[in-house]
PDB file of N, CA and C in Angstrom:
ATOM      1  N   UNK A   1     -15.447   7.803 -33.665  1.00  0.00           N
ATOM      2  CA  UNK A   1     -15.288   7.732 -32.854  1.00  0.00           C
ATOM      3  C   UNK A   1     -14.438   8.443 -31.922  1.00  0.00           C
ATOM      4  N   UNK A   2     -14.634   8.674 -30.629  1.00  0.00           N
ATOM      5  CA  UNK A   2     -13.619  10.060 -29.837  1.00  0.00           C
ATOM      6  C   UNK A   2     -12.203   9.556 -29.166  1.00  0.00           C
ATOM      7  N   UNK A   3     -11.381   9.578 -29.433  1.00  0.00           N
ATOM      8  CA  UNK A   3     -10.253   9.896 -28.577  1.00  0.00           C
ATOM      9  C   UNK A   3      -9.858  10.738 -27.496  1.00  0.00           C
ATOM     10  N   UNK A   4      -9.112  10.320 -26.963  1.00  0.00           N
ATOM     11  CA  UNK A   4      -9.134  11.201 -25.574  1.00  0.00           C
ATOM     12  C   UNK A   4      -7.307  11.355 -25.782  1.00  0.00           C
ATOM     13  N   UNK A   5      -7.022  12.733 -25.758  1.00  0.00           N
ATOM     14  CA  UNK A   5      -5.269  12.901 -25.734  1.00  0.00           C
ATOM     15  C   UNK A   5      -5.282  13.264 -24.316  1.00  0.00           C
ATOM     16  N   UNK A   6      -3.914  12.209 -23.575  1.00  0.00           N
ATOM     17  CA  UNK A   6      -3.803  12.526 -22.438  1.00  0.00           C
ATOM     18  C   UNK A   6      -2.477  12.908 -22.248  1.00  0.00           C
ATOM     19  N   UNK A   7      -2.192  13.420 -20.887  1.00  0.00           N
ATOM     20  CA  UNK A   7      -0.981  14.192 -21.131  1.00  0.00           C
ATOM     21  C   UNK A   7       0.104  13.012 -20.891  1.00  0.00           C
ATOM     22  N   UNK A   8       1.383  13.402 -21.305  1.00  0.00           N
ATOM     23  CA  UNK A   8       2.830  12.471 -21.644  1.00  0.00           C
ATOM     24  C   UNK A   8       3.220  12.875 -20.068  1.00  0.00           C
ATOM     25  N   UNK A   9       3.009  13.792 -19.402  1.00  0.00           N
ATOM     26  CA  UNK A   9       3.899  13.754 -17.995  1.00  0.00           C
ATOM     27  C   UNK A   9       3.281  14.204 -17.003  1.00  0.00           C
ATOM     28  N   UNK A  10       3.734  14.492 -15.817  1.00  0.00           N
ATOM     29  CA  UNK A  10       2.798  15.199 -14.925  1.00  0.00           C
ATOM     30  C   UNK A  10       3.155  16.566 -14.870  1.00  0.00           C
ATOM     31  N   UNK A  11       2.723  17.547 -14.886  1.00  0.00           N
ATOM     32  CA  UNK A  11       3.205  19.318 -14.732  1.00  0.00           C
ATOM     33  C   UNK A  11       2.026  20.144 -14.877  1.00  0.00           C
ATOM     34  N   UNK A  12       1.941  20.955 -15.554  1.00  0.00           N
ATOM     35  CA  UNK A  12       0.980  22.646 -15.369  1.00  0.00           C
ATOM     36  C   UNK A  12       1.056  22.709 -17.002  1.00  0.00           C
ATOM     37  N   UNK A  13      -0.807  22.338 -17.036  1.00  0.00           N
ATOM     38  CA  UNK A  13      -1.134  22.830 -18.105  1.00  0.00           C
ATOM     39  C   UNK A  13      -1.003  24.741 -18.250  1.00  0.00           C
ATOM     40  N   UNK A  14      -0.152  25.007 -19.529  1.00  0.00           N
ATOM     41  CA  UNK A  14       0.354  26.218 -19.269  1.00  0.00           C
ATOM     42  C   UNK A  14      -0.538  27.077 -20.392  1.00  0.00           C
ATOM     43  N   UNK A  15      -1.474  26.827 -21.409  1.00  0.00           N
ATOM     44  CA  UNK A  15      -1.995  26.817 -22.331  1.00  0.00           C
ATOM     45  C   UNK A  15      -3.068  26.255 -23.152  1.00  0.00           C
ATOM     46  N   UNK A  16      -4.501  26.471 -24.052  1.00  0.00           N
ATOM     47  CA  UNK A  16      -4.858  25.765 -24.282  1.00  0.00           C
ATOM     48  C   UNK A  16      -4.781  26.634 -25.954  1.00  0.00           C
ATOM     49  N   UNK A  17      -3.857  25.704 -27.255  1.00  0.00           N
ATOM     50  CA  UNK A  17      -3.574  25.978 -27.923  1.00  0.00           C
ATOM     51  C   UNK A  17      -5.144  26.951 -29.190  1.00  0.00           C
ATOM     52  N   UNK A  18      -5.986  25.685 -29.461  1.00  0.00           N
ATOM     53  CA  UNK A  18      -6.822  26.049 -29.990  1.00  0.00           C
ATOM     54  C   UNK A  18      -8.468  25.763 -28.781  1.00  0.00           C
ATOM     55  N   UNK A  19      -9.905  26.474 -29.815  1.00  0.00           N
ATOM     56  CA  UNK A  19     -10.843  26.391 -29.337  1.00  0.00           C
ATOM     57  C   UNK A  19     -11.316  25.072 -29.530  1.00  0.00           C
ATOM     58  N   UNK A  20     -12.463  24.889 -28.378  1.00  0.00           N
ATOM     59  CA  UNK A  20     -13.582  23.598 -28.183  1.00  0.00           C
ATOM     60  C   UNK A  20     -13.940  23.965 -29.628  1.00  0.00           C
ATOM     61  N   UNK A  21     -14.482  22.630 -30.472  1.00  0.00           N
ATOM     62  CA  UNK A  21     -15.147  23.130 -31.961  1.00  0.00           C
ATOM     63  C   UNK A  21     -14.122  23.246 -32.974  1.00  0.00           C
ATOM     64  N   UNK A  22     -12.893  23.349 -32.453  1.00  0.00           N
ATOM     65  CA  UNK A  22     -12.048  23.530 -33.650  1.00  0.00           C
ATOM     66  C   UNK A  22     -11.364  22.454 -34.267  1.00  0.00           C
ATOM     67  N   UNK A  23     -11.563  22.253 -35.696  1.00  0.00           N
ATOM     68  CA  UNK A  23     -10.668  20.996 -36.346  1.00  0.00           C
ATOM     69  C   UNK A  23      -8.950  21.345 -36.497  1.00  0.00           C
ATOM     70  N   UNK A  24      -8.922  19.883 -36.074  1.00  0.00           N
ATOM     71  CA  UNK A  24      -7.408  20.116 -35.820  1.00  0.00           C
ATOM     72  C   UNK A  24      -6.804  19.334 -36.664  1.00  0.00           C
ATOM     73  N   UNK A  25      -5.302  19.062 -37.406  1.00  0.00           N
ATOM     74  CA  UNK A  25      -4.551  18.120 -38.339  1.00  0.00           C
ATOM     75  C   UNK A  25      -3.978  17.112 -37.461  1.00  0.00           C
ATOM     76  N   UNK A  26      -3.425  16.073 -37.903  1.00  0.00           N
ATOM     77  CA  UNK A  26      -2.967  14.669 -37.319  1.00  0.00           C
ATOM     78  C   UNK A  26      -1.641  15.945 -37.010  1.00  0.00           C
ATOM     79  N   UNK A  27      -0.577  16.157 -35.619  1.00  0.00           N
ATOM     80  CA  UNK A  27       0.203  16.850 -35.323  1.00  0.00           C
ATOM     81  C   UNK A  27       0.146  18.525 -35.357  1.00  0.00           C
ATOM     82  N   UNK A  28      -1.015  18.765 -35.028  1.00  0.00           N
ATOM     83  CA  UNK A  28      -1.181  19.593 -34.275  1.00  0.00           C
ATOM     84  C   UNK A  28      -0.780  19.939 -33.074  1.00  0.00           C
ATOM     85  N   UNK A  29      -0.515  20.977 -32.531  1.00  0.00           N
ATOM     86  CA  UNK A  29      -0.799  21.511 -31.224  1.00  0.00           C
ATOM     87  C   UNK A  29      -1.893  21.466 -30.294  1.00  0.00           C
ATOM     88  N   UNK A  30      -2.050  20.685 -29.634  1.00  0.00           N
ATOM     89  CA  UNK A  30      -3.559  21.022 -28.802  1.00  0.00           C
ATOM     90  C   UNK A  30      -3.449  21.599 -27.624  1.00  0.00           C
ATOM     91  N   UNK A  31      -2.512  21.757 -26.715  1.00  0.00           N
ATOM     92  CA  UNK A  31      -2.264  22.589 -25.193  1.00  0.00           C
ATOM     93  C   UNK A  31      -0.678  22.268 -25.418  1.00  0.00           C
ATOM     94  N   UNK A  32      -0.248  23.090 -23.948  1.00  0.00           N
ATOM     95  CA  UNK A  32       1.015  22.767 -23.746  1.00  0.00           C
ATOM     96  C   UNK A  32       1.110  22.750 -22.483  1.00  0.00           C
ATOM     97  N   UNK A  33       1.805  21.964 -22.006  1.00  0.00           N
ATOM     98  CA  UNK A  33       1.729  21.149 -20.285  1.00  0.00           C
ATOM     99  C   UNK A  33       3.135  21.352 -20.153  1.00  0.00           C
ATOM    100  N   UNK A  34       3.645  22.529 -18.991  1.00  0.00           N
ATOM    101  CA  UNK A  34       4.944  22.698 -18.539  1.00  0.00           C
ATOM    102  C   UNK A  34       5.081  21.630 -17.589  1.00  0.00           C
ATOM    103  N   UNK A  35       6.327  21.335 -17.485  1.00  0.00           N
ATOM    104  CA  UNK A  35       6.609  20.230 -16.258  1.00  0.00           C
ATOM    105  C   UNK A  35       8.289  20.347 -16.388  1.00  0.00           C
ATOM    106  N   UNK A  36       9.300  20.762 -14.882  1.00  0.00           N
ATOM    107  CA  UNK A  36      10.334  20.790 -15.019  1.00  0.00           C
ATOM    108  C   UNK A  36      11.175  22.536 -15.619  1.00  0.00           C
ATOM    109  N   UNK A  37      10.306  23.036 -15.959  1.00  0.00           N
ATOM    110  CA  UNK A  37      10.681  24.520 -16.632  1.00  0.00           C
ATOM    111  C   UNK A  37      10.743  23.774 -17.838  1.00  0.00           C
ATOM    112  N   UNK A  38      10.001  22.970 -18.268  1.00  0.00           N
ATOM    113  CA  UNK A  38      10.260  22.664 -19.963  1.00  0.00           C
ATOM    114  C   UNK A  38       8.685  22.717 -20.404  1.00  0.00           C
ATOM    115  N   UNK A  39       8.636  23.628 -22.015  1.00  0.00           N
ATOM    116  CA  UNK A  39       6.699  23.504 -22.637  1.00  0.00           C
ATOM    117  C   UNK A  39       6.802  21.994 -23.418  1.00  0.00           C
ATOM    118  N   UNK A  40       6.269  21.481 -23.282  1.00  0.00           N
ATOM    119  CA  UNK A  40       5.997  19.969 -24.216  1.00  0.00           C
ATOM    120  C   UNK A  40       4.428  20.705 -24.764  1.00  0.00           C
ATOM    121  N   UNK A  41       4.339  20.471 -26.243  1.00  0.00           N
ATOM    122  CA  UNK A  41       3.402  20.462 -26.658  1.00  0.00           C
ATOM    123  C   UNK A  41       2.655  19.117 -26.655  1.00  0.00           C
ATOM    124  N   UNK A  42       0.870  18.997 -26.659  1.00  0.00           N
ATOM    125  CA  UNK A  42       0.474  17.896 -26.476  1.00  0.00           C
ATOM    126  C   UNK A  42      -0.275  18.093 -27.862  1.00  0.00           C
ATOM    127  N   UNK A  43       0.154  16.905 -28.839  1.00  0.00           N
ATOM    128  CA  UNK A  43      -0.433  16.758 -30.204  1.00  0.00           C
ATOM    129  C   UNK A  43      -1.621  15.929 -30.251  1.00  0.00           C
ATOM    130  N   UNK A  44      -2.346  16.370 -31.263  1.00  0.00           N
ATOM    131  CA  UNK A  44      -3.304  15.491 -32.023  1.00  0.00           C
ATOM    132  C   UNK A  44      -2.815  14.385 -32.670  1.00  0.00           C
ATOM    133  N   UNK A  45      -3.217  13.568 -32.452  1.00  0.00           N
ATOM    134  CA  UNK A  45      -3.267  12.338 -32.744  1.00  0.00           C
ATOM    135  C   UNK A  45      -3.165  11.557 -34.478  1.00  0.00           C
ATOM    136  N   UNK A  46      -4.536  12.283 -34.550  1.00  0.00           N
ATOM    137  CA  UNK A  46      -4.906  12.301 -35.936  1.00  0.00           C
ATOM    138  C   UNK A  46      -5.797  13.628 -36.099  1.00  0.00           C
ATOM    139  N   UNK A  47      -6.354  13.533 -37.179  1.00  0.00           N
ATOM    140  CA  UNK A  47      -7.279  14.893 -37.212  1.00  0.00           C
ATOM    141  C   UNK A  47      -8.675  14.440 -37.067  1.00  0.00           C
ATOM    142  N   UNK A  48      -9.318  15.572 -36.710  1.00  0.00           N
ATOM    143  CA  UNK A  48     -10.597  15.794 -36.180  1.00  0.00           C
ATOM    144  C   UNK A  48     -11.065  17.151 -35.477  1.00  0.00           C
ATOM    145  N   UNK A  49     -12.128  16.868 -34.878  1.00  0.00           N
ATOM    146  CA  UNK A  49     -12.828  17.949 -33.943  1.00  0.00           C
ATOM    147  C   UNK A  49     -12.529  18.085 -32.626  1.00  0.00           C
ATOM    148  N   UNK A  50     -11.966  18.927 -32.007  1.00  0.00           N
ATOM    149  CA  UNK A  50     -11.918  18.984 -29.981  1.00  0.00           C
ATOM    150  C   UNK A  50     -13.143  18.944 -29.886  1.00  0.00           C
ATOM    151  N   UNK A  51     -13.735  18.327 -28.964  1.00  0.00           N
ATOM    152  CA  UNK A  51     -15.044  18.395 -28.519  1.00  0.00           C
ATOM    153  C   UNK A  51     -15.520  19.315 -27.699  1.00  0.00           C
ATOM    154  N   UNK A  52     -13.972  18.536 -26.578  1.00  0.00           N
ATOM    155  CA  UNK A  52     -14.123  19.889 -25.381  1.00  0.00           C
ATOM    156  C   UNK A  52     -13.142  19.349 -24.846  1.00  0.00           C
ATOM    157  N   UNK A  53     -12.621  20.233 -23.583  1.00  0.00           N
ATOM    158  CA  UNK A  53     -11.363  20.602 -23.050  1.00  0.00           C
ATOM    159  C   UNK A  53     -12.015  19.583 -21.998  1.00  0.00           C
ATOM    160  N   UNK A  54     -10.614  18.919 -21.283  1.00  0.00           N
ATOM    161  CA  UNK A  54     -11.042  18.592 -19.676  1.00  0.00           C
ATOM    162  C   UNK A  54      -9.757  18.539 -18.435  1.00  0.00           C
ATOM    163  N   UNK A  55      -9.377  20.000 -18.863  1.00  0.00           N
ATOM    164  CA  UNK A  55      -8.868  20.437 -18.461  1.00  0.00           C
ATOM    165  C   UNK A  55      -9.086  22.161 -18.609  1.00  0.00           C
ATOM    166  N   UNK A  56      -8.482  22.815 -17.824  1.00  0.00           N
ATOM    167  CA  UNK A  56      -8.281  24.316 -18.043  1.00  0.00           C
ATOM    168  C   UNK A  56      -6.886  24.732 -17.605  1.00  0.00           C
ATOM    169  N   UNK A  57      -6.338  25.963 -18.120  1.00  0.00           N
ATOM    170  CA  UNK A  57      -4.759  26.528 -18.224  1.00  0.00           C
ATOM    171  C   UNK A  57      -4.583  26.973 -16.687  1.00  0.00           C
ATOM    172  N   UNK A  58      -3.222  26.943 -16.194  1.00  0.00           N
ATOM    173  CA  UNK A  58      -2.931  26.392 -15.091  1.00  0.00           C
ATOM    174  C   UNK A  58      -3.188  25.490 -14.359  1.00  0.00           C
ATOM    175  N   UNK A  59      -3.884  24.572 -14.340  1.00  0.00           N
ATOM    176  CA  UNK A  59      -4.518  23.212 -13.948  1.00  0.00           C
ATOM    177  C   UNK A  59      -3.084  22.506 -13.556  1.00  0.00           C
ATOM    178  N   UNK A  60      -3.144  21.745 -12.348  1.00  0.00           N
ATOM    179  CA  UNK A  60      -1.939  20.732 -12.376  1.00  0.00           C
ATOM    180  C   UNK A  60      -2.379  19.793 -12.794  1.00  0.00           C
ATOM    181  N   UNK A  61      -1.830  18.888 -13.532  1.00  0.00           N
ATOM    182  CA  UNK A  61      -2.429  16.823 -14.467  1.00  0.00           C
ATOM    183  C   UNK A  61      -1.021  16.475 -13.512  1.00  0.00           C
ATOM    184  N   UNK A  62      -1.847  14.962 -13.345  1.00  0.00           N
ATOM    185  CA  UNK A  62      -0.707  13.696 -13.895  1.00  0.00           C
ATOM    186  C   UNK A  62      -0.115  13.141 -14.855  1.00  0.00           C
ATOM    187  N   UNK A  63       0.751  12.337 -15.064  1.00  0.00           N
ATOM    188  CA  UNK A  63       1.388  11.923 -16.531  1.00  0.00           C
ATOM    189  C   UNK A  63      -0.418  10.460 -16.031  1.00  0.00           C
ATOM    190  N   UNK A  64      -0.504  11.008 -17.629  1.00  0.00           N
ATOM    191  CA  UNK A  64      -1.773  10.222 -18.208  1.00  0.00           C
ATOM    192  C   UNK A  64      -3.413  10.512 -17.974  1.00  0.00           C
ATOM    193  N   UNK A  65      -3.320  11.405 -17.823  1.00  0.00           N
ATOM    194  CA  UNK A  65      -4.342  11.987 -17.326  1.00  0.00           C
ATOM    195  C   UNK A  65      -5.161  12.649 -18.267  1.00  0.00           C
ATOM    196  N   UNK A  66      -6.438  12.447 -18.833  1.00  0.00           N
ATOM    197  CA  UNK A  66      -7.191  13.084 -20.032  1.00  0.00           C
ATOM    198  C   UNK A  66      -7.365  14.637 -19.854  1.00  0.00           C
ATOM    199  N   UNK A  67      -6.834  15.208 -21.185  1.00  0.00           N
ATOM    200  CA  UNK A  67      -6.743  16.534 -21.444  1.00  0.00           C
ATOM    201  C   UNK A  67      -8.343  16.752 -22.636  1.00  0.00           C
ATOM    202  N   UNK A  68      -8.300  16.266 -23.073  1.00  0.00           N
ATOM    203  CA  UNK A  68      -9.010  16.523 -24.005  1.00  0.00           C
ATOM    204  C   UNK A  68      -9.875  15.489 -25.363  1.00  0.00           C
ATOM    205  N   UNK A  69     -10.955  15.743 -25.555  1.00  0.00           N
ATOM    206  CA  UNK A  69     -11.803  14.381 -26.371  1.00  0.00           C
ATOM    207  C   UNK A  69     -11.564  15.752 -27.551  1.00  0.00           C
ATOM    208  N   UNK A  70     -11.258  14.204 -28.850  1.00  0.00           N
ATOM    209  CA  UNK A  70     -10.955  14.580 -30.367  1.00  0.00           C
ATOM    210  C   UNK A  70     -12.084  13.683 -30.827  1.00  0.00           C
ATOM    211  N   UNK A  71     -13.088  14.219 -32.049  1.00  0.00           N
ATOM    212  CA  UNK A  71     -13.837  13.452 -32.478  1.00  0.00           C
ATOM    213  C   UNK A  71     -13.142  13.348 -33.992  1.00  0.00           C
TER     214      UNK A  71
END
């Protein structure tokens, strides 16, 4: 069953920390969101494979917006 990683707050995607199809462990940083000059890592809630990213580096996102699909 796939899980969707969502943005914890509004901001801008600074970097994608892993490639699509990469395997991650629970707590691994998947991407970084910048908000109010702070960089906040979005971590995998559980282990699995990043199926695809739903955003790109530099993109503005809103709180709760889906960012990546984890399988």
